[in-house]
Amino acid sequence: MSVTKRKPVTPGEMLTEEFLMPLGLTQGQLAEAMGVPRKHVNEICNGRRSVTVATALLLAKAFGTSADFWLNCQRRTDLWVALHSRDVQSKLDKVKPLNEAA
């Protein structure tokens, strides 16, 4: 399993840098358009909340993107974090592949 050194763009960074800033939108305006509390959007933007399936659907509708776009961004971030976790790495080191001869 290859591990990339460079951390992927988080959903919050993507949301802030590629959507909110260029469109001149505030977190509050986005929250209102999505029908969620401003805190919800703020936590995503600041990396304290993950993008769930429900949130991905809301973001997709608000920006005319796909839910897959947002979920893939979250998945890449989650995978990178897990692969760079010492706890996960130590567990991976102990796994015995089932496709190898015994």
N, C-alpha and C. Protein backbone atom coordinates (compact mmCIF):
# COMPACT_ATOMS: atom_id res chain seq x y z
N MET A 1 0.85 -1.17 0.00
CA MET A 1 0.00 0.00 0.00
C MET A 1 0.89 1.23 0.00
N SER A 2 0.74 2.06 -0.99
CA SER A 2 1.58 3.24 -1.06
C SER A 2 0.98 4.36 -0.22
N VAL A 3 1.86 5.08 0.43
CA VAL A 3 1.44 6.17 1.30
C VAL A 3 2.04 7.46 0.74
N THR A 4 1.19 8.38 0.37
CA THR A 4 1.68 9.65 -0.14
C THR A 4 2.09 10.55 1.02
N LYS A 5 3.13 11.31 0.81
CA LYS A 5 3.63 12.21 1.86
C LYS A 5 2.80 13.49 1.96
N ARG A 6 2.25 13.91 0.83
CA ARG A 6 1.52 15.17 0.78
C ARG A 6 0.08 14.98 1.22
N LYS A 7 -0.33 15.75 2.19
CA LYS A 7 -1.71 15.66 2.69
C LYS A 7 -2.67 16.18 1.63
N PRO A 8 -3.77 15.47 1.39
CA PRO A 8 -4.73 15.94 0.39
C PRO A 8 -5.48 17.18 0.88
N VAL A 9 -6.09 17.86 -0.04
CA VAL A 9 -6.92 19.01 0.30
C VAL A 9 -8.13 18.51 1.07
N THR A 10 -8.40 19.11 2.20
CA THR A 10 -9.55 18.70 3.01
C THR A 10 -10.83 19.28 2.42
N PRO A 11 -11.98 18.70 2.78
CA PRO A 11 -13.23 19.28 2.30
C PRO A 11 -13.40 20.75 2.74
N GLY A 12 -12.93 21.06 3.92
CA GLY A 12 -13.03 22.44 4.41
C GLY A 12 -12.19 23.41 3.62
N GLU A 13 -10.97 22.98 3.27
CA GLU A 13 -10.11 23.82 2.44
C GLU A 13 -10.71 24.00 1.06
N MET A 14 -11.24 22.93 0.50
CA MET A 14 -11.88 22.98 -0.81
C MET A 14 -13.08 23.93 -0.78
N LEU A 15 -13.88 23.78 0.23
CA LEU A 15 -15.07 24.61 0.37
C LEU A 15 -14.70 26.08 0.48
N THR A 16 -13.73 26.39 1.31
CA THR A 16 -13.33 27.78 1.54
C THR A 16 -12.62 28.38 0.32
N GLU A 17 -11.57 27.69 -0.15
CA GLU A 17 -10.70 28.25 -1.18
C GLU A 17 -11.28 28.21 -2.59
N GLU A 18 -12.07 27.19 -2.89
CA GLU A 18 -12.55 27.02 -4.26
C GLU A 18 -14.02 27.40 -4.46
N PHE A 19 -14.74 27.59 -3.37
CA PHE A 19 -16.16 27.91 -3.50
C PHE A 19 -16.54 29.20 -2.79
N LEU A 20 -16.37 29.25 -1.48
CA LEU A 20 -16.80 30.44 -0.74
C LEU A 20 -16.07 31.71 -1.16
N MET A 21 -14.75 31.67 -1.14
CA MET A 21 -13.97 32.87 -1.45
C MET A 21 -14.20 33.36 -2.88
N PRO A 22 -14.07 32.49 -3.89
CA PRO A 22 -14.27 32.97 -5.27
C PRO A 22 -15.68 33.51 -5.53
N LEU A 23 -16.67 32.92 -4.85
CA LEU A 23 -18.05 33.35 -5.05
C LEU A 23 -18.45 34.52 -4.13
N GLY A 24 -17.55 34.90 -3.24
CA GLY A 24 -17.84 35.99 -2.32
C GLY A 24 -18.93 35.65 -1.32
N LEU A 25 -19.00 34.38 -0.94
CA LEU A 25 -20.02 33.93 0.01
C LEU A 25 -19.45 33.82 1.41
N THR A 26 -20.29 34.05 2.38
CA THR A 26 -19.90 33.83 3.78
C THR A 26 -20.37 32.45 4.21
N GLN A 27 -19.82 31.99 5.30
CA GLN A 27 -20.26 30.72 5.87
C GLN A 27 -21.74 30.80 6.24
N GLY A 28 -22.15 31.94 6.75
CA GLY A 28 -23.55 32.14 7.12
C GLY A 28 -24.48 32.05 5.92
N GLN A 29 -24.07 32.63 4.81
CA GLN A 29 -24.90 32.56 3.60
C GLN A 29 -25.03 31.13 3.10
N LEU A 30 -23.93 30.40 3.14
CA LEU A 30 -23.98 29.01 2.72
C LEU A 30 -24.86 28.20 3.66
N ALA A 31 -24.69 28.40 4.95
CA ALA A 31 -25.49 27.68 5.93
C ALA A 31 -26.98 27.93 5.71
N GLU A 32 -27.33 29.17 5.46
CA GLU A 32 -28.73 29.51 5.21
C GLU A 32 -29.24 28.82 3.95
N ALA A 33 -28.44 28.82 2.89
CA ALA A 33 -28.84 28.17 1.64
C ALA A 33 -29.01 26.66 1.83
N MET A 34 -28.18 26.07 2.68
CA MET A 34 -28.23 24.63 2.92
C MET A 34 -29.28 24.25 3.96
N GLY A 35 -29.73 25.22 4.75
CA GLY A 35 -30.69 24.93 5.80
C GLY A 35 -30.07 24.27 7.02
N VAL A 36 -28.82 24.64 7.31
CA VAL A 36 -28.11 24.10 8.47
C VAL A 36 -27.61 25.27 9.32
N PRO A 37 -27.27 25.01 10.59
CA PRO A 37 -26.70 26.07 11.41
C PRO A 37 -25.35 26.53 10.86
N ARG A 38 -25.00 27.80 11.06
CA ARG A 38 -23.72 28.32 10.60
C ARG A 38 -22.57 27.54 11.21
N LYS A 39 -22.74 27.09 12.44
CA LYS A 39 -21.71 26.31 13.12
C LYS A 39 -21.35 25.05 12.33
N HIS A 40 -22.32 24.45 11.69
CA HIS A 40 -22.11 23.24 10.87
C HIS A 40 -21.11 23.54 9.75
N VAL A 41 -21.34 24.61 9.02
CA VAL A 41 -20.45 25.00 7.93
C VAL A 41 -19.09 25.42 8.48
N ASN A 42 -19.08 26.17 9.56
CA ASN A 42 -17.83 26.62 10.17
C ASN A 42 -16.96 25.44 10.59
N GLU A 43 -17.57 24.43 11.17
CA GLU A 43 -16.80 23.26 11.61
C GLU A 43 -16.22 22.49 10.43
N ILE A 44 -16.95 22.42 9.32
CA ILE A 44 -16.40 21.78 8.12
C ILE A 44 -15.21 22.59 7.61
N CYS A 45 -15.41 23.90 7.50
CA CYS A 45 -14.35 24.78 6.98
C CYS A 45 -13.08 24.71 7.83
N ASN A 46 -13.24 24.51 9.12
CA ASN A 46 -12.10 24.48 10.03
C ASN A 46 -11.61 23.07 10.36
N GLY A 47 -12.13 22.07 9.65
CA GLY A 47 -11.64 20.70 9.82
C GLY A 47 -12.07 20.02 11.10
N ARG A 48 -13.11 20.52 11.74
CA ARG A 48 -13.59 19.91 12.98
C ARG A 48 -14.82 19.03 12.75
N ARG A 49 -15.31 18.99 11.52
CA ARG A 49 -16.47 18.16 11.19
C ARG A 49 -16.22 17.54 9.83
N SER A 50 -16.56 16.27 9.72
CA SER A 50 -16.43 15.57 8.44
C SER A 50 -17.65 15.81 7.58
N VAL A 51 -17.48 15.64 6.29
CA VAL A 51 -18.61 15.73 5.36
C VAL A 51 -19.29 14.37 5.34
N THR A 52 -20.54 14.34 5.77
CA THR A 52 -21.34 13.12 5.75
C THR A 52 -22.06 13.02 4.42
N VAL A 53 -22.71 11.91 4.20
CA VAL A 53 -23.49 11.73 2.98
C VAL A 53 -24.55 12.82 2.86
N ALA A 54 -25.25 13.08 3.96
CA ALA A 54 -26.30 14.10 3.94
C ALA A 54 -25.73 15.49 3.62
N THR A 55 -24.61 15.82 4.23
CA THR A 55 -23.99 17.11 3.98
C THR A 55 -23.47 17.19 2.55
N ALA A 56 -22.93 16.09 2.04
CA ALA A 56 -22.44 16.05 0.65
C ALA A 56 -23.59 16.34 -0.32
N LEU A 57 -24.74 15.80 -0.04
CA LEU A 57 -25.91 16.05 -0.89
C LEU A 57 -26.31 17.53 -0.85
N LEU A 58 -26.26 18.13 0.33
CA LEU A 58 -26.60 19.55 0.47
C LEU A 58 -25.58 20.44 -0.26
N LEU A 59 -24.30 20.14 -0.07
CA LEU A 59 -23.26 20.91 -0.75
C LEU A 59 -23.37 20.76 -2.27
N ALA A 60 -23.64 19.55 -2.72
CA ALA A 60 -23.78 19.30 -4.15
C ALA A 60 -24.91 20.12 -4.75
N LYS A 61 -26.02 20.17 -4.06
CA LYS A 61 -27.15 20.94 -4.58
C LYS A 61 -26.85 22.43 -4.53
N ALA A 62 -26.23 22.89 -3.47
CA ALA A 62 -25.93 24.32 -3.33
C ALA A 62 -24.96 24.81 -4.41
N PHE A 63 -23.98 23.99 -4.76
CA PHE A 63 -22.94 24.43 -5.69
C PHE A 63 -23.02 23.81 -7.08
N GLY A 64 -23.99 22.95 -7.31
CA GLY A 64 -24.11 22.34 -8.63
C GLY A 64 -23.01 21.33 -8.91
N THR A 65 -22.52 20.70 -7.86
CA THR A 65 -21.50 19.66 -8.01
C THR A 65 -22.18 18.32 -7.76
N SER A 66 -21.39 17.28 -7.57
CA SER A 66 -21.96 15.98 -7.21
C SER A 66 -21.65 15.68 -5.75
N ALA A 67 -22.48 14.85 -5.15
CA ALA A 67 -22.20 14.41 -3.79
C ALA A 67 -20.90 13.62 -3.76
N ASP A 68 -20.63 12.87 -4.84
CA ASP A 68 -19.38 12.10 -4.92
C ASP A 68 -18.15 12.99 -4.81
N PHE A 69 -18.22 14.18 -5.38
CA PHE A 69 -17.10 15.11 -5.31
C PHE A 69 -16.72 15.37 -3.84
N TRP A 70 -17.72 15.69 -3.02
CA TRP A 70 -17.48 16.01 -1.62
C TRP A 70 -17.10 14.77 -0.82
N LEU A 71 -17.74 13.64 -1.12
CA LEU A 71 -17.43 12.41 -0.39
C LEU A 71 -16.04 11.90 -0.74
N ASN A 72 -15.62 12.03 -1.98
CA ASN A 72 -14.27 11.62 -2.37
C ASN A 72 -13.22 12.50 -1.70
N CYS A 73 -13.51 13.77 -1.58
CA CYS A 73 -12.59 14.68 -0.89
C CYS A 73 -12.44 14.25 0.57
N GLN A 74 -13.57 13.91 1.21
CA GLN A 74 -13.53 13.46 2.60
C GLN A 74 -12.83 12.11 2.71
N ARG A 75 -13.10 11.19 1.78
CA ARG A 75 -12.50 9.87 1.80
C ARG A 75 -10.98 9.95 1.67
N ARG A 76 -10.51 10.79 0.75
CA ARG A 76 -9.05 10.94 0.58
C ARG A 76 -8.41 11.46 1.86
N THR A 77 -9.05 12.42 2.50
CA THR A 77 -8.54 12.97 3.76
C THR A 77 -8.53 11.92 4.85
N ASP A 78 -9.64 11.19 5.01
CA ASP A 78 -9.73 10.15 6.04
C ASP A 78 -8.68 9.07 5.84
N LEU A 79 -8.49 8.65 4.60
CA LEU A 79 -7.51 7.61 4.30
C LEU A 79 -6.10 8.09 4.60
N TRP A 80 -5.78 9.32 4.22
CA TRP A 80 -4.45 9.87 4.48
C TRP A 80 -4.19 9.93 5.99
N VAL A 81 -5.17 10.41 6.74
CA VAL A 81 -5.02 10.51 8.20
C VAL A 81 -4.80 9.13 8.80
N ALA A 82 -5.59 8.15 8.37
CA ALA A 82 -5.45 6.79 8.90
C ALA A 82 -4.08 6.20 8.57
N LEU A 83 -3.64 6.38 7.33
CA LEU A 83 -2.35 5.82 6.92
C LEU A 83 -1.17 6.50 7.60
N HIS A 84 -1.37 7.67 8.14
CA HIS A 84 -0.31 8.38 8.85
C HIS A 84 -0.46 8.30 10.36
N SER A 85 -1.38 7.46 10.81
CA SER A 85 -1.59 7.25 12.23
C SER A 85 -0.70 6.11 12.72
N ARG A 86 0.01 6.34 13.79
CA ARG A 86 0.88 5.28 14.34
C ARG A 86 0.06 4.08 14.78
N ASP A 87 -1.10 4.32 15.37
CA ASP A 87 -1.96 3.24 15.84
C ASP A 87 -2.41 2.36 14.67
N VAL A 88 -2.88 3.00 13.61
CA VAL A 88 -3.32 2.24 12.44
C VAL A 88 -2.14 1.53 11.79
N GLN A 89 -1.01 2.21 11.69
CA GLN A 89 0.17 1.60 11.07
C GLN A 89 0.62 0.37 11.84
N SER A 90 0.60 0.43 13.16
CA SER A 90 1.02 -0.74 13.94
C SER A 90 0.06 -1.90 13.74
N LYS A 91 -1.23 -1.61 13.59
CA LYS A 91 -2.20 -2.67 13.31
C LYS A 91 -1.98 -3.24 11.91
N LEU A 92 -1.70 -2.38 10.95
CA LEU A 92 -1.45 -2.85 9.57
C LEU A 92 -0.23 -3.76 9.51
N ASP A 93 0.79 -3.42 10.29
CA ASP A 93 2.02 -4.21 10.30
C ASP A 93 1.77 -5.64 10.79
N LYS A 94 0.72 -5.84 11.57
CA LYS A 94 0.42 -7.16 12.14
C LYS A 94 -0.51 -8.00 11.26
N VAL A 95 -1.10 -7.39 10.25
CA VAL A 95 -2.04 -8.11 9.40
C VAL A 95 -1.30 -9.09 8.50
N LYS A 96 -1.83 -10.31 8.43
CA LYS A 96 -1.26 -11.35 7.57
C LYS A 96 -2.16 -11.46 6.34
N PRO A 97 -1.65 -11.14 5.16
CA PRO A 97 -2.47 -11.23 3.94
C PRO A 97 -2.99 -12.66 3.74
N LEU A 98 -4.25 -12.77 3.41
CA LEU A 98 -4.87 -14.08 3.23
C LEU A 98 -4.57 -14.71 1.89
N ASN A 99 -4.05 -13.94 0.95
CA ASN A 99 -3.79 -14.48 -0.38
C ASN A 99 -2.37 -15.05 -0.51
N GLU A 100 -1.60 -15.02 0.55
CA GLU A 100 -0.25 -15.59 0.51
C GLU A 100 -0.31 -17.03 1.03
N ALA A 101 0.52 -17.85 0.47
CA ALA A 101 0.57 -19.25 0.90
C ALA A 101 1.04 -19.35 2.34
N ALA A 102 0.46 -20.27 3.08
CA ALA A 102 0.79 -20.43 4.50
C ALA A 102 2.08 -21.18 4.70
